[in-house]
Amino acid sequence: YWLHRAQHAFRPLWEMHAIHHSQQQMTFWSDAREHVLSYVFYALVL
């Protein structure tokens, strides 16, 4: 929850996360749509 809020609050994180939000045709596959650096960010924190 807090990682997700950080992705919206801090500009560099948002520009990566914007890939996820740019999907205008959402399906259950859309969950994994992220920048590779976002995966690194989440993996390190978790």
ModelCIF file with pLDDT and N, C-alpha, C, O atoms, coordinates in Angstrom:
data_MODEL
#
_entry.id   MODEL 
#
_entity.id                         1 
_entity.type                       polymer 
_entity.pdbx_number_of_molecules   1 
#
_entity_poly.entity_id                      1 
_entity_poly.type                           'polypeptide(L)' 
_entity_poly.nstd_linkage                   no 
_entity_poly.nstd_monomer                   no 
_entity_poly.pdbx_seq_one_letter_code       YWLHRAQHAFRPLWEMHAIHHSQQQMTFWSDAREHVLSYVFYALVL 
_entity_poly.pdbx_seq_one_letter_code_can   YWLHRAQHAFRPLWEMHAIHHSQQQMTFWSDAREHVLSYVFYALVL 
_entity_poly.pdbx_strand_id                 A 
#
loop_
_entity_poly_seq.entity_id 
_entity_poly_seq.num 
_entity_poly_seq.mon_id 
_entity_poly_seq.hetero 
1 1  TYR n 
1 2  TRP n 
1 3  LEU n 
1 4  HIS n 
1 5  ARG n 
1 6  ALA n 
1 7  GLN n 
1 8  HIS n 
1 9  ALA n 
1 10 PHE n 
1 11 ARG n 
1 12 PRO n 
1 13 LEU n 
1 14 TRP n 
1 15 GLU n 
1 16 MET n 
1 17 HIS n 
1 18 ALA n 
1 19 ILE n 
1 20 HIS n 
1 21 HIS n 
1 22 SER n 
1 23 GLN n 
1 24 GLN n 
1 25 GLN n 
1 26 MET n 
1 27 THR n 
1 28 PHE n 
1 29 TRP n 
1 30 SER n 
1 31 ASP n 
1 32 ALA n 
1 33 ARG n 
1 34 GLU n 
1 35 HIS n 
1 36 VAL n 
1 37 LEU n 
1 38 SER n 
1 39 TYR n 
1 40 VAL n 
1 41 PHE n 
1 42 TYR n 
1 43 ALA n 
1 44 LEU n 
1 45 VAL n 
1 46 LEU n 
#
_struct_asym.id          A 
_struct_asym.entity_id   1 
#
loop_
_ma_qa_metric.id 
_ma_qa_metric.mode 
_ma_qa_metric.name 
_ma_qa_metric.software_group_id 
_ma_qa_metric.type 
1 global pLDDT . pLDDT 
2 local  pLDDT . pLDDT 
#
_ma_qa_metric_global.metric_id      1 
_ma_qa_metric_global.metric_value   92.39 
_ma_qa_metric_global.model_id       1 
_ma_qa_metric_global.ordinal_id     1 
#
loop_
_ma_qa_metric_local.label_asym_id 
_ma_qa_metric_local.label_comp_id 
_ma_qa_metric_local.label_seq_id 
_ma_qa_metric_local.metric_id 
_ma_qa_metric_local.metric_value 
_ma_qa_metric_local.model_id 
_ma_qa_metric_local.ordinal_id 
A TYR 1  2 97.00 1 1  
A TRP 2  2 96.00 1 2  
A LEU 3  2 95.00 1 3  
A HIS 4  2 96.00 1 4  
A ARG 5  2 96.00 1 5  
A ALA 6  2 96.00 1 6  
A GLN 7  2 96.00 1 7  
A HIS 8  2 96.00 1 8  
A ALA 9  2 94.00 1 9  
A PHE 10 2 93.00 1 10 
A ARG 11 2 92.00 1 11 
A PRO 12 2 93.00 1 12 
A LEU 13 2 94.00 1 13 
A TRP 14 2 95.00 1 14 
A GLU 15 2 94.00 1 15 
A MET 16 2 95.00 1 16 
A HIS 17 2 95.00 1 17 
A ALA 18 2 95.00 1 18 
A ILE 19 2 95.00 1 19 
A HIS 20 2 96.00 1 20 
A HIS 21 2 96.00 1 21 
A SER 22 2 95.00 1 22 
A GLN 23 2 95.00 1 23 
A GLN 24 2 93.00 1 24 
A GLN 25 2 92.00 1 25 
A MET 26 2 94.00 1 26 
A THR 27 2 96.00 1 27 
A PHE 28 2 96.00 1 28 
A TRP 29 2 96.00 1 29 
A SER 30 2 96.00 1 30 
A ASP 31 2 94.00 1 31 
A ALA 32 2 92.00 1 32 
A ARG 33 2 94.00 1 33 
A GLU 34 2 94.00 1 34 
A HIS 35 2 93.00 1 35 
A VAL 36 2 89.00 1 36 
A LEU 37 2 89.00 1 37 
A SER 38 2 91.00 1 38 
A TYR 39 2 85.00 1 39 
A VAL 40 2 83.00 1 40 
A PHE 41 2 86.00 1 41 
A TYR 42 2 86.00 1 42 
A ALA 43 2 80.00 1 43 
A LEU 44 2 81.00 1 44 
A VAL 45 2 85.00 1 45 
A LEU 46 2 80.00 1 46 
#
loop_
_atom_site.group_PDB 
_atom_site.id 
_atom_site.type_symbol 
_atom_site.label_atom_id 
_atom_site.label_alt_id 
_atom_site.label_comp_id 
_atom_site.label_asym_id 
_atom_site.label_entity_id 
_atom_site.label_seq_id 
_atom_site.pdbx_PDB_ins_code 
_atom_site.Cartn_x 
_atom_site.Cartn_y 
_atom_site.Cartn_z 
_atom_site.occupancy 
_atom_site.B_iso_or_equiv 
_atom_site.pdbx_formal_charge 
_atom_site.auth_seq_id 
_atom_site.auth_comp_id 
_atom_site.auth_asym_id 
_atom_site.auth_atom_id 
_atom_site.pdbx_PDB_model_num 
ATOM 1   N N  . TYR A 1 1  ? 0.843  -1.203 0.000   1.00 97.00 ? 1  TYR A N  1 
ATOM 2   C CA . TYR A 1 1  ? 0.000  0.000  0.000   1.00 97.00 ? 1  TYR A CA 1 
ATOM 3   C C  . TYR A 1 1  ? 0.879  1.253  0.000   1.00 97.00 ? 1  TYR A C  1 
ATOM 4   O O  . TYR A 1 1  ? 0.652  2.175  -0.783  1.00 97.00 ? 1  TYR A O  1 
ATOM 5   N N  . TRP A 1 2  ? 1.879  1.281  0.878   1.00 96.00 ? 2  TRP A N  1 
ATOM 6   C CA . TRP A 1 2  ? 2.737  2.463  0.981   1.00 96.00 ? 2  TRP A CA 1 
ATOM 7   C C  . TRP A 1 2  ? 3.705  2.571  -0.194  1.00 96.00 ? 2  TRP A C  1 
ATOM 8   O O  . TRP A 1 2  ? 4.038  3.677  -0.618  1.00 96.00 ? 2  TRP A O  1 
ATOM 9   N N  . LEU A 1 3  ? 4.156  1.445  -0.718  1.00 95.00 ? 3  LEU A N  1 
ATOM 10  C CA . LEU A 1 3  ? 4.988  1.483  -1.927  1.00 95.00 ? 3  LEU A CA 1 
ATOM 11  C C  . LEU A 1 3  ? 4.191  2.069  -3.094  1.00 95.00 ? 3  LEU A C  1 
ATOM 12  O O  . LEU A 1 3  ? 4.707  2.862  -3.881  1.00 95.00 ? 3  LEU A O  1 
ATOM 13  N N  . HIS A 1 4  ? 2.936  1.664  -3.185  1.00 96.00 ? 4  HIS A N  1 
ATOM 14  C CA . HIS A 1 4  ? 2.073  2.155  -4.260  1.00 96.00 ? 4  HIS A CA 1 
ATOM 15  C C  . HIS A 1 4  ? 1.850  3.663  -4.118  1.00 96.00 ? 4  HIS A C  1 
ATOM 16  O O  . HIS A 1 4  ? 1.878  4.387  -5.113  1.00 96.00 ? 4  HIS A O  1 
ATOM 17  N N  . ARG A 1 5  ? 1.634  4.129  -2.919  1.00 96.00 ? 5  ARG A N  1 
ATOM 18  C CA . ARG A 1 5  ? 1.473  5.566  -2.710  1.00 96.00 ? 5  ARG A CA 1 
ATOM 19  C C  . ARG A 1 5  ? 2.745  6.324  -3.075  1.00 96.00 ? 5  ARG A C  1 
ATOM 20  O O  . ARG A 1 5  ? 2.689  7.427  -3.620  1.00 96.00 ? 5  ARG A O  1 
ATOM 21  N N  . ALA A 1 6  ? 3.889  5.722  -2.768  1.00 96.00 ? 6  ALA A N  1 
ATOM 22  C CA . ALA A 1 6  ? 5.162  6.357  -3.126  1.00 96.00 ? 6  ALA A CA 1 
ATOM 23  C C  . ALA A 1 6  ? 5.312  6.472  -4.637  1.00 96.00 ? 6  ALA A C  1 
ATOM 24  O O  . ALA A 1 6  ? 5.857  7.455  -5.138  1.00 96.00 ? 6  ALA A O  1 
ATOM 25  N N  . GLN A 1 7  ? 4.824  5.460  -5.366  1.00 96.00 ? 7  GLN A N  1 
ATOM 26  C CA . GLN A 1 7  ? 4.898  5.501  -6.820  1.00 96.00 ? 7  GLN A CA 1 
ATOM 27  C C  . GLN A 1 7  ? 4.084  6.647  -7.408  1.00 96.00 ? 7  GLN A C  1 
ATOM 28  O O  . GLN A 1 7  ? 4.400  7.145  -8.489  1.00 96.00 ? 7  GLN A O  1 
ATOM 29  N N  . HIS A 1 8  ? 3.060  7.058  -6.718  1.00 96.00 ? 8  HIS A N  1 
ATOM 30  C CA . HIS A 1 8  ? 2.226  8.167  -7.184  1.00 96.00 ? 8  HIS A CA 1 
ATOM 31  C C  . HIS A 1 8  ? 2.735  9.517  -6.689  1.00 96.00 ? 8  HIS A C  1 
ATOM 32  O O  . HIS A 1 8  ? 2.498  10.543 -7.328  1.00 96.00 ? 8  HIS A O  1 
ATOM 33  N N  . ALA A 1 9  ? 3.430  9.522  -5.558  1.00 94.00 ? 9  ALA A N  1 
ATOM 34  C CA . ALA A 1 9  ? 3.825  10.786 -4.930  1.00 94.00 ? 9  ALA A CA 1 
ATOM 35  C C  . ALA A 1 9  ? 5.143  11.336 -5.455  1.00 94.00 ? 9  ALA A C  1 
ATOM 36  O O  . ALA A 1 9  ? 5.322  12.553 -5.496  1.00 94.00 ? 9  ALA A O  1 
ATOM 37  N N  . PHE A 1 10 ? 6.077  10.464 -5.861  1.00 93.00 ? 10 PHE A N  1 
ATOM 38  C CA . PHE A 1 10 ? 7.409  10.899 -6.275  1.00 93.00 ? 10 PHE A CA 1 
ATOM 39  C C  . PHE A 1 10 ? 7.552  10.781 -7.787  1.00 93.00 ? 10 PHE A C  1 
ATOM 40  O O  . PHE A 1 10 ? 7.329  9.714  -8.358  1.00 93.00 ? 10 PHE A O  1 
ATOM 41  N N  . ARG A 1 11 ? 7.922  11.875 -8.426  1.00 92.00 ? 11 ARG A N  1 
ATOM 42  C CA . ARG A 1 11 ? 7.885  11.970 -9.886  1.00 92.00 ? 11 ARG A CA 1 
ATOM 43  C C  . ARG A 1 11 ? 8.639  10.852 -10.616 1.00 92.00 ? 11 ARG A C  1 
ATOM 44  O O  . ARG A 1 11 ? 8.060  10.249 -11.519 1.00 92.00 ? 11 ARG A O  1 
ATOM 45  N N  . PRO A 1 12 ? 9.910  10.538 -10.272 1.00 93.00 ? 12 PRO A N  1 
ATOM 46  C CA . PRO A 1 12 ? 10.592 9.465  -11.013 1.00 93.00 ? 12 PRO A CA 1 
ATOM 47  C C  . PRO A 1 12 ? 9.851  8.125  -10.909 1.00 93.00 ? 12 PRO A C  1 
ATOM 48  O O  . PRO A 1 12 ? 9.729  7.391  -11.890 1.00 93.00 ? 12 PRO A O  1 
ATOM 49  N N  . LEU A 1 13 ? 9.356  7.821  -9.694  1.00 94.00 ? 13 LEU A N  1 
ATOM 50  C CA . LEU A 1 13 ? 8.610  6.579  -9.515  1.00 94.00 ? 13 LEU A CA 1 
ATOM 51  C C  . LEU A 1 13 ? 7.309  6.606  -10.312 1.00 94.00 ? 13 LEU A C  1 
ATOM 52  O O  . LEU A 1 13 ? 6.891  5.589  -10.867 1.00 94.00 ? 13 LEU A O  1 
ATOM 53  N N  . TRP A 1 14 ? 6.665  7.788  -10.366 1.00 95.00 ? 14 TRP A N  1 
ATOM 54  C CA . TRP A 1 14 ? 5.417  7.891  -11.114 1.00 95.00 ? 14 TRP A CA 1 
ATOM 55  C C  . TRP A 1 14 ? 5.653  7.692  -12.610 1.00 95.00 ? 14 TRP A C  1 
ATOM 56  O O  . TRP A 1 14 ? 4.862  7.018  -13.269 1.00 95.00 ? 14 TRP A O  1 
ATOM 57  N N  . GLU A 1 15 ? 6.722  8.263  -13.156 1.00 94.00 ? 15 GLU A N  1 
ATOM 58  C CA . GLU A 1 15 ? 6.975  8.133  -14.589 1.00 94.00 ? 15 GLU A CA 1 
ATOM 59  C C  . GLU A 1 15 ? 7.170  6.673  -14.985 1.00 94.00 ? 15 GLU A C  1 
ATOM 60  O O  . GLU A 1 15 ? 6.836  6.279  -16.102 1.00 94.00 ? 15 GLU A O  1 
ATOM 61  N N  . MET A 1 16 ? 7.711  5.872  -14.067 1.00 95.00 ? 16 MET A N  1 
ATOM 62  C CA . MET A 1 16 ? 7.821  4.430  -14.328 1.00 95.00 ? 16 MET A CA 1 
ATOM 63  C C  . MET A 1 16 ? 6.453  3.758  -14.169 1.00 95.00 ? 16 MET A C  1 
ATOM 64  O O  . MET A 1 16 ? 6.054  2.932  -14.990 1.00 95.00 ? 16 MET A O  1 
ATOM 65  N N  . HIS A 1 17 ? 5.756  4.122  -13.114 1.00 95.00 ? 17 HIS A N  1 
ATOM 66  C CA . HIS A 1 17 ? 4.457  3.506  -12.818 1.00 95.00 ? 17 HIS A CA 1 
ATOM 67  C C  . HIS A 1 17 ? 3.381  3.926  -13.819 1.00 95.00 ? 17 HIS A C  1 
ATOM 68  O O  . HIS A 1 17 ? 2.372  3.240  -13.983 1.00 95.00 ? 17 HIS A O  1 
ATOM 69  N N  . ALA A 1 18 ? 3.608  5.064  -14.489 1.00 95.00 ? 18 ALA A N  1 
ATOM 70  C CA . ALA A 1 18 ? 2.638  5.546  -15.473 1.00 95.00 ? 18 ALA A CA 1 
ATOM 71  C C  . ALA A 1 18 ? 2.425  4.538  -16.601 1.00 95.00 ? 18 ALA A C  1 
ATOM 72  O O  . ALA A 1 18 ? 1.370  4.530  -17.235 1.00 95.00 ? 18 ALA A O  1 
ATOM 73  N N  . ILE A 1 19 ? 3.419  3.692  -16.851 1.00 95.00 ? 19 ILE A N  1 
ATOM 74  C CA . ILE A 1 19 ? 3.250  2.600  -17.829 1.00 95.00 ? 19 ILE A CA 1 
ATOM 75  C C  . ILE A 1 19 ? 2.027  1.771  -17.447 1.00 95.00 ? 19 ILE A C  1 
ATOM 76  O O  . ILE A 1 19 ? 1.208  1.422  -18.297 1.00 95.00 ? 19 ILE A O  1 
ATOM 77  N N  . HIS A 1 20 ? 1.920  1.467  -16.178 1.00 96.00 ? 20 HIS A N  1 
ATOM 78  C CA . HIS A 1 20 ? 0.811  0.662  -15.670 1.00 96.00 ? 20 HIS A CA 1 
ATOM 79  C C  . HIS A 1 20 ? -0.519 1.380  -15.871 1.00 96.00 ? 20 HIS A C  1 
ATOM 80  O O  . HIS A 1 20 ? -1.505 0.766  -16.278 1.00 96.00 ? 20 HIS A O  1 
ATOM 81  N N  . HIS A 1 21 ? -0.544 2.673  -15.585 1.00 96.00 ? 21 HIS A N  1 
ATOM 82  C CA . HIS A 1 21 ? -1.786 3.440  -15.671 1.00 96.00 ? 21 HIS A CA 1 
ATOM 83  C C  . HIS A 1 21 ? -2.151 3.813  -17.105 1.00 96.00 ? 21 HIS A C  1 
ATOM 84  O O  . HIS A 1 21 ? -3.294 4.190  -17.364 1.00 96.00 ? 21 HIS A O  1 
ATOM 85  N N  . SER A 1 22 ? -1.224 3.718  -18.026 1.00 95.00 ? 22 SER A N  1 
ATOM 86  C CA . SER A 1 22 ? -1.510 4.113  -19.406 1.00 95.00 ? 22 SER A CA 1 
ATOM 87  C C  . SER A 1 22 ? -2.351 3.083  -20.149 1.00 95.00 ? 22 SER A C  1 
ATOM 88  O O  . SER A 1 22 ? -2.769 3.334  -21.280 1.00 95.00 ? 22 SER A O  1 
ATOM 89  N N  . GLN A 1 23 ? -2.608 1.932  -19.537 1.00 95.00 ? 23 GLN A N  1 
ATOM 90  C CA . GLN A 1 23 ? -3.438 0.910  -20.177 1.00 95.00 ? 23 GLN A CA 1 
ATOM 91  C C  . GLN A 1 23 ? -4.902 1.373  -20.172 1.00 95.00 ? 23 GLN A C  1 
ATOM 92  O O  . GLN A 1 23 ? -5.521 1.509  -19.116 1.00 95.00 ? 23 GLN A O  1 
ATOM 93  N N  . GLN A 1 24 ? -5.430 1.606  -21.356 1.00 93.00 ? 24 GLN A N  1 
ATOM 94  C CA . GLN A 1 24 ? -6.824 2.048  -21.491 1.00 93.00 ? 24 GLN A CA 1 
ATOM 95  C C  . GLN A 1 24 ? -7.778 0.892  -21.763 1.00 93.00 ? 24 GLN A C  1 
ATOM 96  O O  . GLN A 1 24 ? -8.987 1.085  -21.898 1.00 93.00 ? 24 GLN A O  1 
ATOM 97  N N  . GLN A 1 25 ? -7.214 -0.318 -21.841 1.00 92.00 ? 25 GLN A N  1 
ATOM 98  C CA . GLN A 1 25 ? -8.010 -1.518 -22.083 1.00 92.00 ? 25 GLN A CA 1 
ATOM 99  C C  . GLN A 1 25 ? -7.642 -2.529 -21.009 1.00 92.00 ? 25 GLN A C  1 
ATOM 100 O O  . GLN A 1 25 ? -6.906 -3.481 -21.266 1.00 92.00 ? 25 GLN A O  1 
ATOM 101 N N  . MET A 1 26 ? -8.162 -2.315 -19.795 1.00 94.00 ? 26 MET A N  1 
ATOM 102 C CA . MET A 1 26 ? -7.750 -3.134 -18.661 1.00 94.00 ? 26 MET A CA 1 
ATOM 103 C C  . MET A 1 26 ? -8.320 -4.543 -18.724 1.00 94.00 ? 26 MET A C  1 
ATOM 104 O O  . MET A 1 26 ? -9.485 -4.745 -19.065 1.00 94.00 ? 26 MET A O  1 
ATOM 105 N N  . THR A 1 27 ? -7.465 -5.522 -18.385 1.00 96.00 ? 27 THR A N  1 
ATOM 106 C CA . THR A 1 27 ? -7.870 -6.915 -18.214 1.00 96.00 ? 27 THR A CA 1 
ATOM 107 C C  . THR A 1 27 ? -7.091 -7.484 -17.032 1.00 96.00 ? 27 THR A C  1 
ATOM 108 O O  . THR A 1 27 ? -6.261 -6.795 -16.438 1.00 96.00 ? 27 THR A O  1 
ATOM 109 N N  . PHE A 1 28 ? -7.357 -8.727 -16.698 1.00 96.00 ? 28 PHE A N  1 
ATOM 110 C CA . PHE A 1 28 ? -6.654 -9.340 -15.571 1.00 96.00 ? 28 PHE A CA 1 
ATOM 111 C C  . PHE A 1 28 ? -5.159 -9.469 -15.830 1.00 96.00 ? 28 PHE A C  1 
ATOM 112 O O  . PHE A 1 28 ? -4.390 -9.655 -14.887 1.00 96.00 ? 28 PHE A O  1 
ATOM 113 N N  . TRP A 1 29 ? -4.726 -9.374 -17.097 1.00 96.00 ? 29 TRP A N  1 
ATOM 114 C CA . TRP A 1 29 ? -3.296 -9.429 -17.419 1.00 96.00 ? 29 TRP A CA 1 
ATOM 115 C C  . TRP A 1 29 ? -2.600 -8.112 -17.087 1.00 96.00 ? 29 TRP A C  1 
ATOM 116 O O  . TRP A 1 29 ? -1.371 -8.077 -17.024 1.00 96.00 ? 29 TRP A O  1 
ATOM 117 N N  . SER A 1 30 ? -3.340 -7.039 -16.875 1.00 96.00 ? 30 SER A N  1 
ATOM 118 C CA . SER A 1 30 ? -2.746 -5.704 -16.740 1.00 96.00 ? 30 SER A CA 1 
ATOM 119 C C  . SER A 1 30 ? -1.961 -5.522 -15.447 1.00 96.00 ? 30 SER A C  1 
ATOM 120 O O  . SER A 1 30 ? -1.169 -4.586 -15.334 1.00 96.00 ? 30 SER A O  1 
ATOM 121 N N  . ASP A 1 31 ? -2.163 -6.390 -14.483 1.00 94.00 ? 31 ASP A N  1 
ATOM 122 C CA . ASP A 1 31 ? -1.491 -6.251 -13.190 1.00 94.00 ? 31 ASP A CA 1 
ATOM 123 C C  . ASP A 1 31 ? 0.029  -6.193 -13.341 1.00 94.00 ? 31 ASP A C  1 
ATOM 124 O O  . ASP A 1 31 ? 0.686  -5.414 -12.651 1.00 94.00 ? 31 ASP A O  1 
ATOM 125 N N  . ALA A 1 32 ? 0.596  -7.008 -14.236 1.00 92.00 ? 32 ALA A N  1 
ATOM 126 C CA . ALA A 1 32 ? 2.060  -7.126 -14.348 1.00 92.00 ? 32 ALA A CA 1 
ATOM 127 C C  . ALA A 1 32 ? 2.690  -6.033 -15.198 1.00 92.00 ? 32 ALA A C  1 
ATOM 128 O O  . ALA A 1 32 ? 3.911  -6.004 -15.344 1.00 92.00 ? 32 ALA A O  1 
ATOM 129 N N  . ARG A 1 33 ? 1.908  -5.154 -15.750 1.00 94.00 ? 33 ARG A N  1 
ATOM 130 C CA . ARG A 1 33 ? 2.403  -4.107 -16.652 1.00 94.00 ? 33 ARG A CA 1 
ATOM 131 C C  . ARG A 1 33 ? 3.146  -3.041 -15.845 1.00 94.00 ? 33 ARG A C  1 
ATOM 132 O O  . ARG A 1 33 ? 2.522  -2.121 -15.315 1.00 94.00 ? 33 ARG A O  1 
ATOM 133 N N  . GLU A 1 34 ? 4.454  -3.155 -15.751 1.00 94.00 ? 34 GLU A N  1 
ATOM 134 C CA . GLU A 1 34 ? 5.271  -2.237 -14.956 1.00 94.00 ? 34 GLU A CA 1 
ATOM 135 C C  . GLU A 1 34 ? 6.646  -2.048 -15.592 1.00 94.00 ? 34 GLU A C  1 
ATOM 136 O O  . GLU A 1 34 ? 7.056  -2.830 -16.451 1.00 94.00 ? 34 GLU A O  1 
ATOM 137 N N  . HIS A 1 35 ? 7.339  -1.021 -15.171 1.00 93.00 ? 35 HIS A N  1 
ATOM 138 C CA . HIS A 1 35 ? 8.713  -0.803 -15.614 1.00 93.00 ? 35 HIS A CA 1 
ATOM 139 C C  . HIS A 1 35 ? 9.642  -1.758 -14.877 1.00 93.00 ? 35 HIS A C  1 
ATOM 140 O O  . HIS A 1 35 ? 9.385  -2.113 -13.726 1.00 93.00 ? 35 HIS A O  1 
ATOM 141 N N  . VAL A 1 36 ? 10.717 -2.173 -15.532 1.00 89.00 ? 36 VAL A N  1 
ATOM 142 C CA . VAL A 1 36 ? 11.639 -3.121 -14.913 1.00 89.00 ? 36 VAL A CA 1 
ATOM 143 C C  . VAL A 1 36 ? 12.229 -2.540 -13.627 1.00 89.00 ? 36 VAL A C  1 
ATOM 144 O O  . VAL A 1 36 ? 12.488 -3.284 -12.681 1.00 89.00 ? 36 VAL A O  1 
ATOM 145 N N  . LEU A 1 37 ? 12.446 -1.215 -13.580 1.00 89.00 ? 37 LEU A N  1 
ATOM 146 C CA . LEU A 1 37 ? 12.984 -0.598 -12.364 1.00 89.00 ? 37 LEU A CA 1 
ATOM 147 C C  . LEU A 1 37 ? 11.958 -0.605 -11.231 1.00 89.00 ? 37 LEU A C  1 
ATOM 148 O O  . LEU A 1 37 ? 12.330 -0.588 -10.058 1.00 89.00 ? 37 LEU A O  1 
ATOM 149 N N  . SER A 1 38 ? 10.676 -0.629 -11.577 1.00 91.00 ? 38 SER A N  1 
ATOM 150 C CA . SER A 1 38 ? 9.644  -0.779 -10.546 1.00 91.00 ? 38 SER A CA 1 
ATOM 151 C C  . SER A 1 38 ? 9.725  -2.161 -9.912  1.00 91.00 ? 38 SER A C  1 
ATOM 152 O O  . SER A 1 38 ? 9.523  -2.315 -8.708  1.00 91.00 ? 38 SER A O  1 
ATOM 153 N N  . TYR A 1 39 ? 10.025 -3.175 -10.741 1.00 85.00 ? 39 TYR A N  1 
ATOM 154 C CA . TYR A 1 39 ? 10.211 -4.523 -10.194 1.00 85.00 ? 39 TYR A CA 1 
ATOM 155 C C  . TYR A 1 39 ? 11.393 -4.546 -9.232  1.00 85.00 ? 39 TYR A C  1 
ATOM 156 O O  . TYR A 1 39 ? 11.323 -5.170 -8.174  1.00 85.00 ? 39 TYR A O  1 
ATOM 157 N N  . VAL A 1 40 ? 12.478 -3.866 -9.598  1.00 83.00 ? 40 VAL A N  1 
ATOM 158 C CA . VAL A 1 40 ? 13.650 -3.800 -8.733  1.00 83.00 ? 40 VAL A CA 1 
ATOM 159 C C  . VAL A 1 40 ? 13.290 -3.101 -7.419  1.00 83.00 ? 40 VAL A C  1 
ATOM 160 O O  . VAL A 1 40 ? 13.663 -3.560 -6.339  1.00 83.00 ? 40 VAL A O  1 
ATOM 161 N N  . PHE A 1 41 ? 12.564 -1.993 -7.523  1.00 86.00 ? 41 PHE A N  1 
ATOM 162 C CA . PHE A 1 41 ? 12.137 -1.220 -6.354  1.00 86.00 ? 41 PHE A CA 1 
ATOM 163 C C  . PHE A 1 41 ? 11.316 -2.090 -5.398  1.00 86.00 ? 41 PHE A C  1 
ATOM 164 O O  . PHE A 1 41 ? 11.603 -2.153 -4.203  1.00 86.00 ? 41 PHE A O  1 
ATOM 165 N N  . TYR A 1 42 ? 10.305 -2.751 -5.931  1.00 86.00 ? 42 TYR A N  1 
ATOM 166 C CA . TYR A 1 42 ? 9.447  -3.607 -5.101  1.00 86.00 ? 42 TYR A CA 1 
ATOM 167 C C  . TYR A 1 42 ? 10.232 -4.780 -4.514  1.00 86.00 ? 42 TYR A C  1 
ATOM 168 O O  . TYR A 1 42 ? 10.075 -5.117 -3.340  1.00 86.00 ? 42 TYR A O  1 
ATOM 169 N N  . ALA A 1 43 ? 11.074 -5.394 -5.338  1.00 80.00 ? 43 ALA A N  1 
ATOM 170 C CA . ALA A 1 43 ? 11.812 -6.580 -4.880  1.00 80.00 ? 43 ALA A CA 1 
ATOM 171 C C  . ALA A 1 43 ? 12.754 -6.234 -3.736  1.00 80.00 ? 43 ALA A C  1 
ATOM 172 O O  . ALA A 1 43 ? 12.841 -6.975 -2.757  1.00 80.00 ? 43 ALA A O  1 
ATOM 173 N N  . LEU A 1 44 ? 13.453 -5.123 -3.852  1.00 81.00 ? 44 LEU A N  1 
ATOM 174 C CA . LEU A 1 44 ? 14.394 -4.727 -2.803  1.00 81.00 ? 44 LEU A CA 1 
ATOM 175 C C  . LEU A 1 44 ? 13.668 -4.422 -1.499  1.00 81.00 ? 44 LEU A C  1 
ATOM 176 O O  . LEU A 1 44 ? 14.097 -4.854 -0.429  1.00 81.00 ? 44 LEU A O  1 
ATOM 177 N N  . VAL A 1 45 ? 12.562 -3.674 -1.588  1.00 85.00 ? 45 VAL A N  1 
ATOM 178 C CA . VAL A 1 45 ? 11.841 -3.314 -0.367  1.00 85.00 ? 45 VAL A CA 1 
ATOM 179 C C  . VAL A 1 45 ? 11.226 -4.554 0.288   1.00 85.00 ? 45 VAL A C  1 
ATOM 180 O O  . VAL A 1 45 ? 11.330 -4.733 1.501   1.00 85.00 ? 45 VAL A O  1 
ATOM 181 N N  . LEU A 1 46 ? 10.589 -5.404 -0.511  1.00 80.00 ? 46 LEU A N  1 
ATOM 182 C CA . LEU A 1 46 ? 9.953  -6.594 0.061   1.00 80.00 ? 46 LEU A CA 1 
ATOM 183 C C  . LEU A 1 46 ? 10.999 -7.573 0.604   1.00 80.00 ? 46 LEU A C  1 
ATOM 184 O O  . LEU A 1 46 ? 10.643 -8.632 1.122   1.00 80.00 ? 46 LEU A O  1 
#
